[in-house]
């Protein structure tokens, strides 16, 4: 995959995904193009070295009507990629923070929930 079409989490734990309320999720799913998906819309926050450049990468992909993905590793080290539906940048004193709204396909949800059965405090669902 073209490096310009993904944002990769290089270090740190698996992102924590917060489910989006059904009404808001349906709004986002309604504006996305493509076939219907079995997926849940979720929000996550990640640190970034250059937040504005990553936001521009998202905007460029969307202008070209292409997907951009968040790539991360699960606690077991499996590489997962999920489509980014929206992104927002926030500068903080600790560094850049991206809020990403992503679509979590059923197979990714299963991988994440199975891995956290014993450690439910680390994952929000």
N, C-alpha and C. Protein backbone atom coordinates (compact mmCIF):
# COMPACT_ATOMS: atom_id res chain seq x y z
N UNK A 1 0.85 -1.18 0.00
CA UNK A 1 0.00 0.00 0.00
C UNK A 1 0.89 1.23 0.00
N UNK A 2 0.49 2.22 -0.72
CA UNK A 2 1.19 3.50 -0.79
C UNK A 2 1.27 4.11 0.61
N UNK A 3 2.48 4.50 1.04
CA UNK A 3 2.66 5.10 2.37
C UNK A 3 1.80 6.34 2.55
N UNK A 4 1.47 7.03 1.47
CA UNK A 4 0.63 8.22 1.57
C UNK A 4 -0.82 7.87 1.90
N UNK A 5 -1.19 6.60 1.78
CA UNK A 5 -2.58 6.21 2.00
C UNK A 5 -2.77 5.50 3.33
N UNK A 6 -1.83 5.72 4.26
CA UNK A 6 -2.02 5.17 5.59
C UNK A 6 -1.27 6.00 6.62
N UNK A 7 -1.77 5.93 7.84
CA UNK A 7 -1.12 6.52 8.99
C UNK A 7 -0.76 5.34 9.88
N UNK A 8 0.52 5.18 10.17
CA UNK A 8 0.99 4.03 10.91
C UNK A 8 1.39 4.41 12.32
N UNK A 9 0.90 3.66 13.29
CA UNK A 9 1.35 3.83 14.67
C UNK A 9 2.61 2.98 14.82
N UNK A 10 3.73 3.65 15.01
CA UNK A 10 5.01 2.96 15.04
C UNK A 10 5.32 2.43 16.44
N UNK A 11 5.04 3.23 17.45
CA UNK A 11 5.33 2.84 18.83
C UNK A 11 4.08 2.97 19.68
N UNK A 12 4.12 2.32 20.81
CA UNK A 12 3.04 2.48 21.77
C UNK A 12 2.06 1.34 21.74
N UNK A 13 1.09 1.42 22.64
CA UNK A 13 0.09 0.34 22.74
C UNK A 13 -0.93 0.40 21.61
N UNK A 14 -1.71 -0.64 21.54
CA UNK A 14 -2.84 -0.67 20.61
C UNK A 14 -3.77 0.49 20.96
N UNK A 15 -4.25 1.22 19.96
CA UNK A 15 -5.15 2.34 20.25
C UNK A 15 -6.40 1.87 21.00
N UNK A 16 -6.94 2.77 21.79
CA UNK A 16 -8.22 2.52 22.46
C UNK A 16 -9.30 3.12 21.57
N UNK A 17 -10.26 2.30 21.19
CA UNK A 17 -11.35 2.73 20.31
C UNK A 17 -12.61 2.92 21.13
N UNK A 18 -13.23 4.08 20.98
CA UNK A 18 -14.49 4.39 21.67
C UNK A 18 -15.62 4.34 20.65
N UNK A 19 -16.61 3.48 20.86
CA UNK A 19 -17.73 3.41 19.91
C UNK A 19 -18.45 4.74 19.82
N UNK A 20 -18.92 5.06 18.63
CA UNK A 20 -19.69 6.28 18.38
C UNK A 20 -21.17 5.94 18.56
N UNK A 21 -21.91 6.89 19.11
CA UNK A 21 -23.35 6.70 19.30
C UNK A 21 -23.99 6.31 17.98
N UNK A 22 -24.99 5.43 17.98
CA UNK A 22 -25.59 4.94 16.72
C UNK A 22 -26.01 6.04 15.76
N UNK A 23 -26.66 7.09 16.22
CA UNK A 23 -27.13 8.13 15.29
C UNK A 23 -25.96 8.79 14.58
N UNK A 24 -24.89 9.10 15.31
CA UNK A 24 -23.71 9.72 14.70
C UNK A 24 -23.02 8.74 13.77
N UNK A 25 -22.95 7.48 14.16
CA UNK A 25 -22.33 6.46 13.31
C UNK A 25 -23.06 6.29 12.00
N UNK A 26 -24.39 6.32 12.06
CA UNK A 26 -25.17 6.19 10.83
C UNK A 26 -24.93 7.37 9.90
N UNK A 27 -24.76 8.56 10.47
CA UNK A 27 -24.46 9.74 9.66
C UNK A 27 -23.14 9.55 8.92
N UNK A 28 -22.10 9.14 9.63
CA UNK A 28 -20.80 8.93 8.99
C UNK A 28 -20.88 7.82 7.95
N UNK A 29 -21.52 6.71 8.29
CA UNK A 29 -21.61 5.60 7.35
C UNK A 29 -22.40 5.99 6.12
N UNK A 30 -23.37 6.89 6.29
CA UNK A 30 -24.18 7.33 5.16
C UNK A 30 -23.41 8.18 4.16
N UNK A 31 -22.38 8.89 4.61
CA UNK A 31 -21.64 9.74 3.68
C UNK A 31 -20.46 9.03 3.04
N UNK A 32 -20.10 7.86 3.55
CA UNK A 32 -18.99 7.12 2.96
C UNK A 32 -19.46 6.39 1.72
N UNK A 33 -18.60 6.37 0.72
CA UNK A 33 -18.95 5.69 -0.52
C UNK A 33 -18.58 4.22 -0.44
N UNK A 34 -19.15 3.44 -1.31
CA UNK A 34 -18.81 2.03 -1.38
C UNK A 34 -19.94 1.16 -0.89
N UNK A 35 -19.70 -0.16 -0.96
CA UNK A 35 -20.75 -1.10 -0.55
C UNK A 35 -20.98 -1.03 0.96
N UNK A 36 -22.18 -1.43 1.39
CA UNK A 36 -22.45 -1.46 2.83
C UNK A 36 -21.44 -2.37 3.52
N UNK A 37 -21.05 -1.98 4.72
CA UNK A 37 -20.06 -2.74 5.46
C UNK A 37 -20.65 -3.19 6.78
N UNK A 38 -20.14 -4.32 7.26
CA UNK A 38 -20.43 -4.72 8.62
C UNK A 38 -19.28 -4.16 9.45
N UNK A 39 -19.49 -2.97 9.96
CA UNK A 39 -18.43 -2.29 10.69
C UNK A 39 -19.05 -1.37 11.73
N UNK A 40 -18.24 -1.05 12.71
CA UNK A 40 -18.65 -0.12 13.75
C UNK A 40 -17.80 1.14 13.63
N UNK A 41 -18.42 2.28 13.74
CA UNK A 41 -17.68 3.53 13.75
C UNK A 41 -17.17 3.79 15.15
N UNK A 42 -15.88 4.12 15.26
CA UNK A 42 -15.27 4.37 16.57
C UNK A 42 -14.30 5.53 16.46
N UNK A 43 -14.01 6.12 17.61
CA UNK A 43 -13.07 7.25 17.68
C UNK A 43 -11.85 6.80 18.48
N UNK A 44 -10.68 7.29 18.07
CA UNK A 44 -9.46 7.05 18.82
C UNK A 44 -8.60 8.30 18.77
N UNK A 45 -7.74 8.46 19.74
CA UNK A 45 -6.82 9.60 19.79
C UNK A 45 -5.41 9.03 19.80
N UNK A 46 -4.56 9.59 18.92
CA UNK A 46 -3.17 9.13 18.83
C UNK A 46 -2.24 10.34 18.79
N UNK A 47 -1.05 10.16 19.31
CA UNK A 47 -0.04 11.21 19.24
C UNK A 47 0.62 11.17 17.86
N UNK A 48 1.09 12.33 17.42
CA UNK A 48 1.70 12.43 16.09
C UNK A 48 2.90 13.38 16.16
N UNK A 49 3.89 13.11 15.34
CA UNK A 49 5.04 14.01 15.26
C UNK A 49 4.70 15.28 14.49
N UNK A 50 3.88 15.13 13.43
CA UNK A 50 3.52 16.28 12.61
C UNK A 50 2.04 16.16 12.24
N UNK A 51 1.19 16.56 13.17
CA UNK A 51 -0.25 16.44 12.97
C UNK A 51 -0.77 17.12 11.72
N UNK A 52 -0.38 18.38 11.45
CA UNK A 52 -0.89 19.03 10.25
C UNK A 52 -0.56 18.27 8.96
N UNK A 53 0.62 17.68 8.87
CA UNK A 53 0.99 16.93 7.66
C UNK A 53 0.13 15.68 7.52
N UNK A 54 -0.19 15.03 8.63
CA UNK A 54 -1.04 13.84 8.56
C UNK A 54 -2.47 14.19 8.18
N UNK A 55 -2.96 15.31 8.69
CA UNK A 55 -4.30 15.76 8.30
C UNK A 55 -4.32 16.08 6.81
N UNK A 56 -3.29 16.73 6.32
CA UNK A 56 -3.21 17.04 4.88
C UNK A 56 -3.17 15.76 4.06
N UNK A 57 -2.48 14.73 4.55
CA UNK A 57 -2.45 13.44 3.85
C UNK A 57 -3.86 12.86 3.75
N UNK A 58 -4.64 12.97 4.83
CA UNK A 58 -6.03 12.50 4.80
C UNK A 58 -6.84 13.29 3.77
N UNK A 59 -6.74 14.61 3.83
CA UNK A 59 -7.51 15.46 2.91
C UNK A 59 -7.14 15.18 1.45
N UNK A 60 -5.86 14.96 1.19
CA UNK A 60 -5.42 14.68 -0.18
C UNK A 60 -6.05 13.37 -0.68
N UNK A 61 -6.05 12.34 0.16
CA UNK A 61 -6.65 11.06 -0.23
C UNK A 61 -8.14 11.24 -0.50
N UNK A 62 -8.82 11.95 0.37
CA UNK A 62 -10.27 12.13 0.21
C UNK A 62 -10.60 12.98 -1.01
N UNK A 63 -9.78 13.98 -1.30
CA UNK A 63 -10.00 14.79 -2.52
C UNK A 63 -9.89 13.93 -3.77
N UNK A 64 -8.98 12.94 -3.71
CA UNK A 64 -8.79 12.03 -4.85
C UNK A 64 -9.75 10.85 -4.79
N UNK A 65 -10.71 10.94 -3.86
CA UNK A 65 -11.73 9.89 -3.68
C UNK A 65 -11.11 8.53 -3.43
N UNK A 66 -10.08 8.52 -2.57
CA UNK A 66 -9.42 7.29 -2.16
C UNK A 66 -9.51 7.15 -0.65
N UNK A 67 -9.36 5.92 -0.19
CA UNK A 67 -9.36 5.67 1.24
C UNK A 67 -7.98 5.93 1.82
N UNK A 68 -7.95 6.23 3.11
CA UNK A 68 -6.71 6.29 3.87
C UNK A 68 -6.96 5.45 5.12
N UNK A 69 -5.94 4.76 5.59
CA UNK A 69 -6.10 3.77 6.64
C UNK A 69 -5.24 4.10 7.86
N UNK A 70 -5.71 3.67 9.02
CA UNK A 70 -4.91 3.67 10.24
C UNK A 70 -4.34 2.27 10.37
N UNK A 71 -3.02 2.18 10.48
CA UNK A 71 -2.36 0.89 10.65
C UNK A 71 -1.79 0.81 12.06
N UNK A 72 -2.08 -0.30 12.74
CA UNK A 72 -1.61 -0.47 14.12
C UNK A 72 -1.41 -1.96 14.39
N UNK A 73 -0.76 -2.25 15.50
CA UNK A 73 -0.58 -3.64 15.93
C UNK A 73 -1.49 -3.93 17.11
N UNK A 74 -2.04 -5.14 17.11
CA UNK A 74 -2.82 -5.60 18.25
C UNK A 74 -1.85 -6.00 19.36
N UNK A 75 -2.36 -6.26 20.57
CA UNK A 75 -1.46 -6.69 21.64
C UNK A 75 -0.69 -7.97 21.31
N UNK A 76 -1.21 -8.80 20.41
CA UNK A 76 -0.49 -10.01 20.00
C UNK A 76 0.45 -9.76 18.83
N UNK A 77 0.53 -8.52 18.36
CA UNK A 77 1.45 -8.17 17.29
C UNK A 77 0.89 -8.27 15.89
N UNK A 78 -0.41 -8.56 15.75
CA UNK A 78 -1.01 -8.63 14.43
C UNK A 78 -1.18 -7.23 13.86
N UNK A 79 -0.80 -7.04 12.60
CA UNK A 79 -0.97 -5.73 11.96
C UNK A 79 -2.39 -5.64 11.43
N UNK A 80 -3.07 -4.56 11.80
CA UNK A 80 -4.44 -4.30 11.36
C UNK A 80 -4.48 -2.96 10.65
N UNK A 81 -5.33 -2.86 9.65
CA UNK A 81 -5.58 -1.59 8.95
C UNK A 81 -7.07 -1.36 8.91
N UNK A 82 -7.48 -0.15 9.32
CA UNK A 82 -8.89 0.20 9.31
C UNK A 82 -9.05 1.54 8.60
N UNK A 83 -10.12 1.72 7.82
CA UNK A 83 -10.32 2.97 7.09
C UNK A 83 -10.62 4.13 8.03
N UNK A 84 -10.03 5.28 7.72
CA UNK A 84 -10.28 6.51 8.48
C UNK A 84 -11.42 7.24 7.79
N UNK A 85 -12.47 7.57 8.57
CA UNK A 85 -13.63 8.28 8.03
C UNK A 85 -13.51 9.78 8.21
N UNK A 86 -12.83 10.22 9.28
CA UNK A 86 -12.65 11.64 9.56
C UNK A 86 -11.45 11.81 10.47
N UNK A 87 -10.87 13.01 10.45
CA UNK A 87 -9.68 13.28 11.27
C UNK A 87 -9.68 14.72 11.73
N UNK A 88 -9.15 14.93 12.92
CA UNK A 88 -9.03 16.27 13.48
C UNK A 88 -7.69 16.36 14.21
N UNK A 89 -7.02 17.50 14.07
CA UNK A 89 -5.71 17.75 14.67
C UNK A 89 -5.87 18.71 15.84
N UNK A 90 -5.14 18.44 16.92
CA UNK A 90 -5.15 19.32 18.08
C UNK A 90 -3.73 19.45 18.62
N UNK A 91 -3.16 20.66 18.60
CA UNK A 91 -1.84 20.83 19.22
C UNK A 91 -2.02 20.88 20.74
N UNK A 92 -1.12 20.22 21.47
CA UNK A 92 -1.14 20.26 22.93
C UNK A 92 0.27 20.54 23.42
N UNK A 93 0.40 20.83 24.70
CA UNK A 93 1.73 21.06 25.26
C UNK A 93 2.61 19.82 25.18
N UNK A 94 1.98 18.64 25.22
CA UNK A 94 2.73 17.39 25.14
C UNK A 94 3.05 16.98 23.70
N UNK A 95 2.50 17.66 22.73
CA UNK A 95 2.72 17.32 21.32
C UNK A 95 1.41 17.26 20.56
N UNK A 96 1.50 16.94 19.28
CA UNK A 96 0.33 16.87 18.41
C UNK A 96 -0.52 15.65 18.75
N UNK A 97 -1.83 15.84 18.71
CA UNK A 97 -2.78 14.74 18.92
C UNK A 97 -3.76 14.73 17.76
N UNK A 98 -3.97 13.54 17.20
CA UNK A 98 -4.97 13.35 16.15
C UNK A 98 -6.16 12.61 16.75
N UNK A 99 -7.34 13.11 16.48
CA UNK A 99 -8.56 12.35 16.77
C UNK A 99 -9.00 11.78 15.44
N UNK A 100 -9.11 10.46 15.40
CA UNK A 100 -9.47 9.76 14.17
C UNK A 100 -10.77 8.99 14.39
N UNK A 101 -11.69 9.14 13.44
CA UNK A 101 -12.90 8.34 13.42
C UNK A 101 -12.67 7.25 12.38
N UNK A 102 -12.75 6.01 12.80
CA UNK A 102 -12.41 4.88 11.93
C UNK A 102 -13.56 3.89 11.88
N UNK A 103 -13.56 3.10 10.82
CA UNK A 103 -14.51 1.99 10.68
C UNK A 103 -13.81 0.71 11.10
N UNK A 104 -14.35 0.06 12.12
CA UNK A 104 -13.78 -1.20 12.60
C UNK A 104 -14.58 -2.36 12.02
N UNK A 105 -14.03 -3.03 11.00
CA UNK A 105 -14.73 -4.19 10.42
C UNK A 105 -14.89 -5.29 11.47
N UNK A 106 -15.85 -6.17 11.24
CA UNK A 106 -16.16 -7.23 12.20
C UNK A 106 -14.93 -8.05 12.57
N UNK A 107 -14.08 -8.40 11.61
CA UNK A 107 -12.92 -9.24 11.93
C UNK A 107 -11.92 -8.51 12.84
N UNK A 108 -11.78 -7.21 12.68
CA UNK A 108 -10.90 -6.44 13.56
C UNK A 108 -11.52 -6.36 14.96
N UNK A 109 -12.83 -6.11 15.02
CA UNK A 109 -13.52 -6.09 16.31
C UNK A 109 -13.32 -7.40 17.06
N UNK A 110 -13.44 -8.51 16.35
CA UNK A 110 -13.26 -9.82 16.98
C UNK A 110 -11.84 -9.97 17.50
N UNK A 111 -10.84 -9.56 16.72
CA UNK A 111 -9.45 -9.65 17.17
C UNK A 111 -9.22 -8.81 18.43
N UNK A 112 -9.79 -7.62 18.45
CA UNK A 112 -9.57 -6.74 19.59
C UNK A 112 -10.33 -7.19 20.83
N UNK A 113 -11.56 -7.65 20.68
CA UNK A 113 -12.34 -8.06 21.86
C UNK A 113 -11.85 -9.39 22.42
N UNK A 114 -11.43 -10.32 21.56
CA UNK A 114 -10.89 -11.59 22.04
C UNK A 114 -9.63 -11.37 22.84
N UNK A 115 -8.81 -10.43 22.41
CA UNK A 115 -7.55 -10.19 23.09
C UNK A 115 -7.73 -9.55 24.45
N UNK A 116 -8.86 -8.92 24.69
CA UNK A 116 -9.06 -8.18 25.92
C UNK A 116 -10.03 -8.83 26.89
N UNK A 117 -10.37 -10.08 26.68
CA UNK A 117 -11.31 -10.72 27.60
C UNK A 117 -10.78 -10.73 29.03
N UNK A 118 -9.46 -10.88 29.19
CA UNK A 118 -8.86 -10.93 30.52
C UNK A 118 -8.48 -9.57 31.05
N UNK A 119 -8.44 -8.55 30.20
CA UNK A 119 -7.94 -7.23 30.60
C UNK A 119 -8.88 -6.15 30.10
N UNK A 120 -10.11 -6.13 30.59
CA UNK A 120 -11.14 -5.25 30.05
C UNK A 120 -10.89 -3.78 30.33
N UNK A 121 -9.98 -3.43 31.25
CA UNK A 121 -9.72 -2.02 31.56
C UNK A 121 -8.96 -1.29 30.45
N UNK A 122 -8.29 -2.03 29.58
CA UNK A 122 -7.46 -1.41 28.54
C UNK A 122 -8.21 -1.11 27.26
N UNK A 123 -9.47 -1.49 27.17
CA UNK A 123 -10.18 -1.38 25.90
C UNK A 123 -11.60 -0.90 26.17
N UNK A 124 -12.05 0.04 25.44
CA UNK A 124 -13.37 0.63 25.67
C UNK A 124 -14.36 0.13 24.63
N UNK A 125 -15.25 -0.74 25.03
CA UNK A 125 -16.39 -1.17 24.20
C UNK A 125 -17.54 -1.50 25.09
